[in-house]
Amino acid sequence: MRQVADWRSSTLFSDAERAALEYAERMTITGQRVDDALFERLKRHFDEPKLVELTAAIALENFRSKFNVPLQVDAQGFCIVPQRGT
């Protein structure tokens, strides 16, 4: 999980994972666009049902972050807690 923030330089992620992470980033950051080149890369790794599911999962997490934060809803499950000295 610690490598997700550095997915571009990390050697831990497959091509499919890199495409999904870029897709998530572009869906999440205002002003970013999912262009045809990225969509073509995604289609090399994911069929249509998987792309729909991936898109829905990313959209749901974006919804949660926009909904929960202003209402101060605490995390109910897994979250990354920085370890001391890392």
Foldseek 3Di string as FASTA:
>chain_A
DVCLVVVVPDPPDDLQRSLLSVVLVQVQDPPRDCDPVSVVSNVVPDPPVVVVVSVVVSVVVSVCVVPCVVVVNDDPDDDDDDDPPD
